All heavy atoms as atom14 arrays in JSON, in Angstrom:
{
  "sequence": "IIGAKHNIPYHMEPVKDKTGFDMKVAQRFEAPGKIILKPG",
  "atom14_mask": [
    [1, 1, 1, 1, 1, 1, 1, 1, 0, 0, 0, 0, 0, 0],
    [1, 1, 1, 1, 1, 1, 1, 1, 0, 0, 0, 0, 0, 0],
    [1, 1, 1, 1, 0, 0, 0, 0, 0, 0, 0, 0, 0, 0],
    [1, 1, 1, 1, 1, 0, 0, 0, 0, 0, 0, 0, 0, 0],
    [1, 1, 1, 1, 1, 1, 1, 1, 1, 0, 0, 0, 0, 0],
    [1, 1, 1, 1, 1, 1, 1, 1, 1, 1, 0, 0, 0, 0],
    [1, 1, 1, 1, 1, 1, 1, 1, 0, 0, 0, 0, 0, 0],
    [1, 1, 1, 1, 1, 1, 1, 1, 0, 0, 0, 0, 0, 0],
    [1, 1, 1, 1, 1, 1, 1, 0, 0, 0, 0, 0, 0, 0],
    [1, 1, 1, 1, 1, 1, 1, 1, 1, 1, 1, 1, 0, 0],
    [1, 1, 1, 1, 1, 1, 1, 1, 1, 1, 0, 0, 0, 0],
    [1, 1, 1, 1, 1, 1, 1, 1, 0, 0, 0, 0, 0, 0],
    [1, 1, 1, 1, 1, 1, 1, 1, 1, 0, 0, 0, 0, 0],
    [1, 1, 1, 1, 1, 1, 1, 0, 0, 0, 0, 0, 0, 0],
    [1, 1, 1, 1, 1, 1, 1, 0, 0, 0, 0, 0, 0, 0],
    [1, 1, 1, 1, 1, 1, 1, 1, 1, 0, 0, 0, 0, 0],
    [1, 1, 1, 1, 1, 1, 1, 1, 0, 0, 0, 0, 0, 0],
    [1, 1, 1, 1, 1, 1, 1, 1, 1, 0, 0, 0, 0, 0],
    [1, 1, 1, 1, 1, 1, 1, 0, 0, 0, 0, 0, 0, 0],
    [1, 1, 1, 1, 0, 0, 0, 0, 0, 0, 0, 0, 0, 0],
    [1, 1, 1, 1, 1, 1, 1, 1, 1, 1, 1, 0, 0, 0],
    [1, 1, 1, 1, 1, 1, 1, 1, 0, 0, 0, 0, 0, 0],
    [1, 1, 1, 1, 1, 1, 1, 1, 0, 0, 0, 0, 0, 0],
    [1, 1, 1, 1, 1, 1, 1, 1, 1, 0, 0, 0, 0, 0],
    [1, 1, 1, 1, 1, 1, 1, 0, 0, 0, 0, 0, 0, 0],
    [1, 1, 1, 1, 1, 0, 0, 0, 0, 0, 0, 0, 0, 0],
    [1, 1, 1, 1, 1, 1, 1, 1, 1, 0, 0, 0, 0, 0],
    [1, 1, 1, 1, 1, 1, 1, 1, 1, 1, 1, 0, 0, 0],
    [1, 1, 1, 1, 1, 1, 1, 1, 1, 1, 1, 0, 0, 0],
    [1, 1, 1, 1, 1, 1, 1, 1, 1, 0, 0, 0, 0, 0],
    [1, 1, 1, 1, 1, 0, 0, 0, 0, 0, 0, 0, 0, 0],
    [1, 1, 1, 1, 1, 1, 1, 0, 0, 0, 0, 0, 0, 0],
    [1, 1, 1, 1, 0, 0, 0, 0, 0, 0, 0, 0, 0, 0],
    [1, 1, 1, 1, 1, 1, 1, 1, 1, 0, 0, 0, 0, 0],
    [1, 1, 1, 1, 1, 1, 1, 1, 0, 0, 0, 0, 0, 0],
    [1, 1, 1, 1, 1, 1, 1, 1, 0, 0, 0, 0, 0, 0],
    [1, 1, 1, 1, 1, 1, 1, 1, 0, 0, 0, 0, 0, 0],
    [1, 1, 1, 1, 1, 1, 1, 1, 1, 0, 0, 0, 0, 0],
    [1, 1, 1, 1, 1, 1, 1, 0, 0, 0, 0, 0, 0, 0],
    [1, 1, 1, 1, 0, 0, 0, 0, 0, 0, 0, 0, 0, 0]
  ],
  "atom14_positions": [
    [[-1.26, 12.57, 9.26], [-2.33, 13.19, 10.05], [-2.89, 12.2, 11.06], [-3.08, 12.52, 12.23], [-3.46, 13.68, 9.11], [-2.98, 14.84, 8.25], [-4.69, 14.1, 9.92], [-3.95, 15.2, 7.13], [0.0, 0.0, 0.0], [0.0, 0.0, 0.0], [0.0, 0.0, 0.0], [0.0, 0.0, 0.0], [0.0, 0.0, 0.0], [0.0, 0.0, 0.0]],
    [[-3.1, 10.97, 10.61], [-3.73, 9.95, 11.46], [-2.78, 9.48, 12.56], [-3.21, 9.23, 13.69], [-4.19, 8.78, 10.59], [-5.33, 9.23, 9.67], [-4.63, 7.58, 11.44], [-5.62, 8.28, 8.52], [0.0, 0.0, 0.0], [0.0, 0.0, 0.0], [0.0, 0.0, 0.0], [0.0, 0.0, 0.0], [0.0, 0.0, 0.0], [0.0, 0.0, 0.0]],
    [[-1.52, 9.35, 12.23], [-0.51, 9.05, 13.25], [-0.53, 7.62, 13.79], [-0.16, 7.4, 14.95], [0.0, 0.0, 0.0], [0.0, 0.0, 0.0], [0.0, 0.0, 0.0], [0.0, 0.0, 0.0], [0.0, 0.0, 0.0], [0.0, 0.0, 0.0], [0.0, 0.0, 0.0], [0.0, 0.0, 0.0], [0.0, 0.0, 0.0], [0.0, 0.0, 0.0]],
    [[-0.94, 6.66, 12.98], [-0.89, 5.27, 13.43], [0.55, 4.8, 13.58], [1.46, 5.31, 12.93], [-1.63, 4.37, 12.45], [0.0, 0.0, 0.0], [0.0, 0.0, 0.0], [0.0, 0.0, 0.0], [0.0, 0.0, 0.0], [0.0, 0.0, 0.0], [0.0, 0.0, 0.0], [0.0, 0.0, 0.0], [0.0, 0.0, 0.0], [0.0, 0.0, 0.0]],
    [[0.74, 3.8, 14.4], [2.09, 3.25, 14.63], [2.63, 2.62, 13.34], [3.81, 2.77, 13.01], [2.04, 2.21, 15.74], [3.39, 1.63, 16.11], [3.26, 0.68, 17.29], [4.62, 0.09, 17.69], [4.47, -0.87, 18.81], [0.0, 0.0, 0.0], [0.0, 0.0, 0.0], [0.0, 0.0, 0.0], [0.0, 0.0, 0.0], [0.0, 0.0, 0.0]],
    [[1.77, 1.91, 12.63], [2.16, 1.28, 11.37], [1.15, 1.67, 10.29], [-0.05, 1.73, 10.56], [2.18, -0.25, 11.49], [3.2, -0.75, 12.44], [4.55, -0.7, 12.2], [3.07, -1.3, 13.68], [5.22, -1.22, 13.22], [4.34, -1.58, 14.13], [0.0, 0.0, 0.0], [0.0, 0.0, 0.0], [0.0, 0.0, 0.0], [0.0, 0.0, 0.0]],
    [[1.64, 1.9, 9.08], [0.78, 2.3, 7.98], [1.0, 1.39, 6.78], [2.14, 1.06, 6.44], [1.07, 3.76, 7.59], [0.63, 4.73, 8.68], [-0.55, 5.1, 8.75], [1.55, 5.13, 9.53], [0.0, 0.0, 0.0], [0.0, 0.0, 0.0], [0.0, 0.0, 0.0], [0.0, 0.0, 0.0], [0.0, 0.0, 0.0], [0.0, 0.0, 0.0]],
    [[-0.11, 0.99, 6.15], [-0.07, -0.02, 5.1], [-0.87, 0.48, 3.89], [-2.06, 0.78, 4.02], [-0.66, -1.35, 5.61], [0.13, -1.83, 6.84], [-0.65, -2.41, 4.51], [-0.56, -2.87, 7.66], [0.0, 0.0, 0.0], [0.0, 0.0, 0.0], [0.0, 0.0, 0.0], [0.0, 0.0, 0.0], [0.0, 0.0, 0.0], [0.0, 0.0, 0.0]],
    [[-0.25, 0.57, 2.71], [-1.01, 0.95, 1.51], [-1.82, -0.22, 1.0], [-1.35, -1.36, 0.97], [0.09, 1.33, 0.52], [1.25, 0.49, 0.92], [1.17, 0.32, 2.42], [0.0, 0.0, 0.0], [0.0, 0.0, 0.0], [0.0, 0.0, 0.0], [0.0, 0.0, 0.0], [0.0, 0.0, 0.0], [0.0, 0.0, 0.0], [0.0, 0.0, 0.0]],
    [[-3.06, 0.04, 0.6], [-3.87, -0.98, -0.06], [-4.78, -0.31, -1.08], [-4.71, 0.89, -1.27], [-4.6, -1.85, 0.94], [-5.9, -1.35, 1.55], [-6.86, -2.27, 1.96], [-6.18, -0.01, 1.78], [-8.06, -1.87, 2.55], [-7.37, 0.41, 2.36], [-8.3, -0.52, 2.74], [-9.48, -0.13, 3.33], [0.0, 0.0, 0.0], [0.0, 0.0, 0.0]],
    [[-5.57, -1.11, -1.81], [-6.41, -0.56, -2.89], [-5.54, 0.35, -3.76], [-5.83, 1.53, -3.96], [-7.59, 0.22, -2.29], [-8.76, 0.36, -3.19], [-8.7, 1.0, -4.43], [-10.06, -0.02, -3.06], [-9.88, 1.01, -4.98], [-10.74, 0.37, -4.18], [0.0, 0.0, 0.0], [0.0, 0.0, 0.0], [0.0, 0.0, 0.0], [0.0, 0.0, 0.0]],
    [[-4.47, -0.25, -4.3], [-3.42, 0.53, -4.94], [-3.54, 0.64, -6.45], [-2.73, 1.29, -7.08], [-2.07, -0.08, -4.63], [-1.59, 0.28, -3.25], [-0.05, -0.54, -2.87], [-0.61, -2.18, -2.5], [0.0, 0.0, 0.0], [0.0, 0.0, 0.0], [0.0, 0.0, 0.0], [0.0, 0.0, 0.0], [0.0, 0.0, 0.0], [0.0, 0.0, 0.0]],
    [[-4.49, -0.05, -7.05], [-4.58, -0.02, -8.51], [-6.03, 0.0, -8.95], [-6.91, -0.44, -8.22], [-3.82, -1.22, -9.1], [-4.08, -2.56, -8.4], [-5.42, -3.17, -8.74], [-5.83, -3.12, -9.91], [-6.08, -3.69, -7.83], [0.0, 0.0, 0.0], [0.0, 0.0, 0.0], [0.0, 0.0, 0.0], [0.0, 0.0, 0.0], [0.0, 0.0, 0.0]],
    [[-6.29, 0.52, -10.14], [-7.66, 0.48, -10.65], [-8.13, -0.97, -10.73], [-7.37, -1.86, -11.09], [-7.53, 1.1, -12.05], [-6.27, 1.89, -12.01], [-5.37, 1.16, -11.07], [0.0, 0.0, 0.0], [0.0, 0.0, 0.0], [0.0, 0.0, 0.0], [0.0, 0.0, 0.0], [0.0, 0.0, 0.0], [0.0, 0.0, 0.0], [0.0, 0.0, 0.0]],
    [[-9.36, -1.2, -10.4], [-9.85, -2.57, -10.34], [-9.74, -3.27, -11.69], [-9.6, -4.48, -11.76], [-11.3, -2.6, -9.81], [-12.25, -1.98, -10.81], [-11.72, -4.0, -9.45], [0.0, 0.0, 0.0], [0.0, 0.0, 0.0], [0.0, 0.0, 0.0], [0.0, 0.0, 0.0], [0.0, 0.0, 0.0], [0.0, 0.0, 0.0], [0.0, 0.0, 0.0]],
    [[-9.76, -2.52, -12.76], [-9.64, -3.15, -14.1], [-8.31, -3.85, -14.28], [-8.15, -4.71, -15.15], [-9.84, -2.1, -15.18], [-8.79, -1.01, -15.21], [-9.09, 0.04, -16.28], [-8.05, 1.15, -16.28], [-8.36, 2.18, -17.27], [0.0, 0.0, 0.0], [0.0, 0.0, 0.0], [0.0, 0.0, 0.0], [0.0, 0.0, 0.0], [0.0, 0.0, 0.0]],
    [[-7.32, -3.48, -13.49], [-5.99, -4.1, -13.59], [-6.02, -5.56, -13.18], [-5.29, -6.38, -13.71], [-5.01, -3.31, -12.71], [-3.59, -3.78, -12.82], [-3.3, -4.91, -12.4], [-2.74, -3.04, -13.34], [0.0, 0.0, 0.0], [0.0, 0.0, 0.0], [0.0, 0.0, 0.0], [0.0, 0.0, 0.0], [0.0, 0.0, 0.0], [0.0, 0.0, 0.0]],
    [[-6.83, -5.86, -12.16], [-7.08, -7.23, -11.7], [-5.92, -7.86, -10.95], [-5.97, -9.03, -10.59], [-7.48, -8.16, -12.85], [-8.76, -7.76, -13.57], [-9.95, -7.77, -12.65], [-11.23, -7.46, -13.42], [-12.4, -7.32, -12.54], [0.0, 0.0, 0.0], [0.0, 0.0, 0.0], [0.0, 0.0, 0.0], [0.0, 0.0, 0.0], [0.0, 0.0, 0.0]],
    [[-4.83, -7.13, -10.71], [-3.73, -7.73, -9.97], [-3.93, -7.61, -8.47], [-3.42, -8.42, -7.7], [-2.39, -7.04, -10.33], [-2.43, -5.67, -9.91], [-2.11, -7.11, -11.81], [0.0, 0.0, 0.0], [0.0, 0.0, 0.0], [0.0, 0.0, 0.0], [0.0, 0.0, 0.0], [0.0, 0.0, 0.0], [0.0, 0.0, 0.0], [0.0, 0.0, 0.0]],
    [[-4.63, -6.57, -8.04], [-4.85, -6.36, -6.62], [-3.68, -5.75, -5.88], [-3.71, -5.62, -4.66], [0.0, 0.0, 0.0], [0.0, 0.0, 0.0], [0.0, 0.0, 0.0], [0.0, 0.0, 0.0], [0.0, 0.0, 0.0], [0.0, 0.0, 0.0], [0.0, 0.0, 0.0], [0.0, 0.0, 0.0], [0.0, 0.0, 0.0], [0.0, 0.0, 0.0]],
    [[-2.63, -5.38, -6.64], [-1.43, -4.88, -5.96], [-0.54, -4.17, -6.95], [-0.48, -4.53, -8.13], [-0.66, -6.06, -5.34], [0.54, -5.64, -4.53], [0.37, -5.1, -3.26], [1.81, -5.77, -5.05], [1.49, -4.7, -2.52], [2.92, -5.38, -4.31], [2.76, -4.84, -3.05], [0.0, 0.0, 0.0], [0.0, 0.0, 0.0], [0.0, 0.0, 0.0]],
    [[0.15, -3.14, -6.48], [1.1, -2.41, -7.32], [2.32, -2.05, -6.46], [2.27, -1.13, -5.64], [0.45, -1.13, -7.88], [1.32, -0.42, -8.9], [2.55, -0.49, -8.8], [0.75, 0.22, -9.81], [0.0, 0.0, 0.0], [0.0, 0.0, 0.0], [0.0, 0.0, 0.0], [0.0, 0.0, 0.0], [0.0, 0.0, 0.0], [0.0, 0.0, 0.0]],
    [[3.41, -2.78, -6.65], [4.6, -2.58, -5.83], [5.18, -1.19, -5.98], [5.68, -0.61, -5.01], [5.66, -3.64, -6.15], [6.93, -3.5, -5.33], [6.68, -3.58, -3.52], [6.61, -5.37, -3.3], [0.0, 0.0, 0.0], [0.0, 0.0, 0.0], [0.0, 0.0, 0.0], [0.0, 0.0, 0.0], [0.0, 0.0, 0.0], [0.0, 0.0, 0.0]],
    [[5.12, -0.62, -7.18], [5.68, 0.73, -7.39], [4.95, 1.76, -6.53], [5.57, 2.65, -5.95], [5.61, 1.1, -8.87], [6.56, 0.29, -9.75], [6.47, 0.73, -11.19], [7.42, -0.07, -12.06], [7.33, 0.32, -13.5], [0.0, 0.0, 0.0], [0.0, 0.0, 0.0], [0.0, 0.0, 0.0], [0.0, 0.0, 0.0], [0.0, 0.0, 0.0]],
    [[3.63, 1.63, -6.47], [2.86, 2.55, -5.62], [3.19, 2.29, -4.15], [3.4, 3.22, -3.38], [1.35, 2.39, -5.88], [0.55, 3.18, -4.86], [1.02, 2.87, -7.28], [0.0, 0.0, 0.0], [0.0, 0.0, 0.0], [0.0, 0.0, 0.0], [0.0, 0.0, 0.0], [0.0, 0.0, 0.0], [0.0, 0.0, 0.0], [0.0, 0.0, 0.0]],
    [[3.24, 1.04, -3.76], [3.54, 0.69, -2.38], [4.88, 1.28, -1.94], [5.04, 1.77, -0.82], [3.53, -0.81, -2.2], [0.0, 0.0, 0.0], [0.0, 0.0, 0.0], [0.0, 0.0, 0.0], [0.0, 0.0, 0.0], [0.0, 0.0, 0.0], [0.0, 0.0, 0.0], [0.0, 0.0, 0.0], [0.0, 0.0, 0.0], [0.0, 0.0, 0.0]],
    [[5.86, 1.23, -2.83], [7.18, 1.75, -2.48], [7.19, 3.27, -2.4], [8.0, 3.83, -1.65], [8.19, 1.27, -3.52], [8.47, -0.23, -3.41], [9.36, -0.75, -4.54], [9.43, -0.16, -5.61], [10.04, -1.86, -4.29], [0.0, 0.0, 0.0], [0.0, 0.0, 0.0], [0.0, 0.0, 0.0], [0.0, 0.0, 0.0], [0.0, 0.0, 0.0]],
    [[6.3, 3.93, -3.11], [6.22, 5.4, -3.06], [5.45, 5.91, -1.85], [5.5, 7.09, -1.51], [5.58, 5.95, -4.34], [6.42, 5.78, -5.58], [6.05, 6.8, -6.66], [4.62, 6.85, -6.95], [4.01, 6.07, -7.84], [4.7, 5.18, -8.52], [2.71, 6.18, -8.06], [0.0, 0.0, 0.0], [0.0, 0.0, 0.0], [0.0, 0.0, 0.0]],
    [[4.7, 5.01, -1.2], [3.95, 5.38, 0.0], [4.94, 5.71, 1.11], [5.8, 4.92, 1.44], [3.05, 4.21, 0.4], [2.19, 4.46, 1.63], [1.18, 5.4, 1.6], [2.38, 3.71, 2.77], [0.37, 5.6, 2.72], [1.58, 3.9, 3.88], [0.57, 4.87, 3.86], [0.0, 0.0, 0.0], [0.0, 0.0, 0.0], [0.0, 0.0, 0.0]],
    [[4.81, 6.9, 1.67], [5.73, 7.37, 2.72], [4.95, 7.6, 4.0], [4.07, 8.47, 4.05], [6.43, 8.67, 2.29], [7.31, 8.5, 1.06], [7.97, 9.8, 0.64], [7.76, 10.82, 1.33], [8.7, 9.79, -0.36], [0.0, 0.0, 0.0], [0.0, 0.0, 0.0], [0.0, 0.0, 0.0], [0.0, 0.0, 0.0], [0.0, 0.0, 0.0]],
    [[5.28, 6.82, 5.03], [4.54, 6.92, 6.28], [5.34, 6.28, 7.39], [6.15, 5.38, 7.16], [3.18, 6.21, 6.14], [0.0, 0.0, 0.0], [0.0, 0.0, 0.0], [0.0, 0.0, 0.0], [0.0, 0.0, 0.0], [0.0, 0.0, 0.0], [0.0, 0.0, 0.0], [0.0, 0.0, 0.0], [0.0, 0.0, 0.0], [0.0, 0.0, 0.0]],
    [[5.1, 6.71, 8.63], [5.78, 6.1, 9.77], [5.44, 4.61, 9.87], [4.3, 4.21, 9.63], [5.21, 6.87, 10.97], [4.7, 8.15, 10.4], [4.23, 7.82, 9.02], [0.0, 0.0, 0.0], [0.0, 0.0, 0.0], [0.0, 0.0, 0.0], [0.0, 0.0, 0.0], [0.0, 0.0, 0.0], [0.0, 0.0, 0.0], [0.0, 0.0, 0.0]],
    [[6.44, 3.81, 10.19], [6.2, 2.39, 10.41], [5.6, 1.69, 9.23], [4.77, 0.78, 9.39], [0.0, 0.0, 0.0], [0.0, 0.0, 0.0], [0.0, 0.0, 0.0], [0.0, 0.0, 0.0], [0.0, 0.0, 0.0], [0.0, 0.0, 0.0], [0.0, 0.0, 0.0], [0.0, 0.0, 0.0], [0.0, 0.0, 0.0], [0.0, 0.0, 0.0]],
    [[5.97, 2.08, 8.02], [5.37, 1.51, 6.81], [5.58, 0.01, 6.73], [6.65, -0.51, 6.99], [5.95, 2.16, 5.56], [5.35, 1.64, 4.27], [5.82, 2.42, 3.07], [7.09, 1.85, 2.46], [7.41, 2.47, 1.15], [0.0, 0.0, 0.0], [0.0, 0.0, 0.0], [0.0, 0.0, 0.0], [0.0, 0.0, 0.0], [0.0, 0.0, 0.0]],
    [[4.51, -0.69, 6.37], [4.55, -2.12, 6.1], [3.97, -2.35, 4.72], [2.9, -1.82, 4.41], [3.75, -2.92, 7.15], [4.34, -2.75, 8.55], [3.69, -4.41, 6.78], [3.49, -3.36, 9.65], [0.0, 0.0, 0.0], [0.0, 0.0, 0.0], [0.0, 0.0, 0.0], [0.0, 0.0, 0.0], [0.0, 0.0, 0.0], [0.0, 0.0, 0.0]],
    [[4.67, -3.09, 3.9], [4.14, -3.46, 2.58], [3.66, -4.9, 2.65], [4.43, -5.8, 2.98], [5.19, -3.3, 1.47], [5.56, -1.83, 1.29], [4.68, -3.89, 0.16], [6.65, -1.59, 0.27], [0.0, 0.0, 0.0], [0.0, 0.0, 0.0], [0.0, 0.0, 0.0], [0.0, 0.0, 0.0], [0.0, 0.0, 0.0], [0.0, 0.0, 0.0]],
    [[2.38, -5.1, 2.38], [1.81, -6.44, 2.32], [1.44, -6.75, 0.87], [0.73, -5.97, 0.23], [0.56, -6.55, 3.19], [0.72, -6.44, 4.7], [-0.63, -6.55, 5.38], [1.66, -7.52, 5.23], [0.0, 0.0, 0.0], [0.0, 0.0, 0.0], [0.0, 0.0, 0.0], [0.0, 0.0, 0.0], [0.0, 0.0, 0.0], [0.0, 0.0, 0.0]],
    [[1.93, -7.84, 0.36], [1.52, -8.33, -0.96], [0.36, -9.31, -0.79], [0.2, -9.92, 0.28], [2.69, -9.0, -1.67], [3.91, -8.11, -1.86], [5.01, -8.81, -2.63], [5.55, -10.02, -1.92], [6.21, -9.69, -0.66], [0.0, 0.0, 0.0], [0.0, 0.0, 0.0], [0.0, 0.0, 0.0], [0.0, 0.0, 0.0], [0.0, 0.0, 0.0]],
    [[-0.48, -9.47, -1.82], [-1.56, -10.45, -1.7], [-1.02, -11.82, -1.29], [-0.04, -12.32, -1.85], [-2.16, -10.48, -3.11], [-1.88, -9.11, -3.64], [-0.53, -8.74, -3.11], [0.0, 0.0, 0.0], [0.0, 0.0, 0.0], [0.0, 0.0, 0.0], [0.0, 0.0, 0.0], [0.0, 0.0, 0.0], [0.0, 0.0, 0.0], [0.0, 0.0, 0.0]],
    [[-1.64, -12.38, -0.25], [-1.2, -13.65, 0.29], [-0.32, -13.51, 1.51], [-0.1, -14.5, 2.23], [0.0, 0.0, 0.0], [0.0, 0.0, 0.0], [0.0, 0.0, 0.0], [0.0, 0.0, 0.0], [0.0, 0.0, 0.0], [0.0, 0.0, 0.0], [0.0, 0.0, 0.0], [0.0, 0.0, 0.0], [0.0, 0.0, 0.0], [0.0, 0.0, 0.0]]
  ]
}
């Protein structure tokens, strides 16, 4: 809907997890120009 050139998933896990990142969720994110950023 938003139509950005690049789309990045973040805030991917419940805060209780404490990892700050979930690669499985990031990989399931489907969007134009997807970029996956890991912490760091």
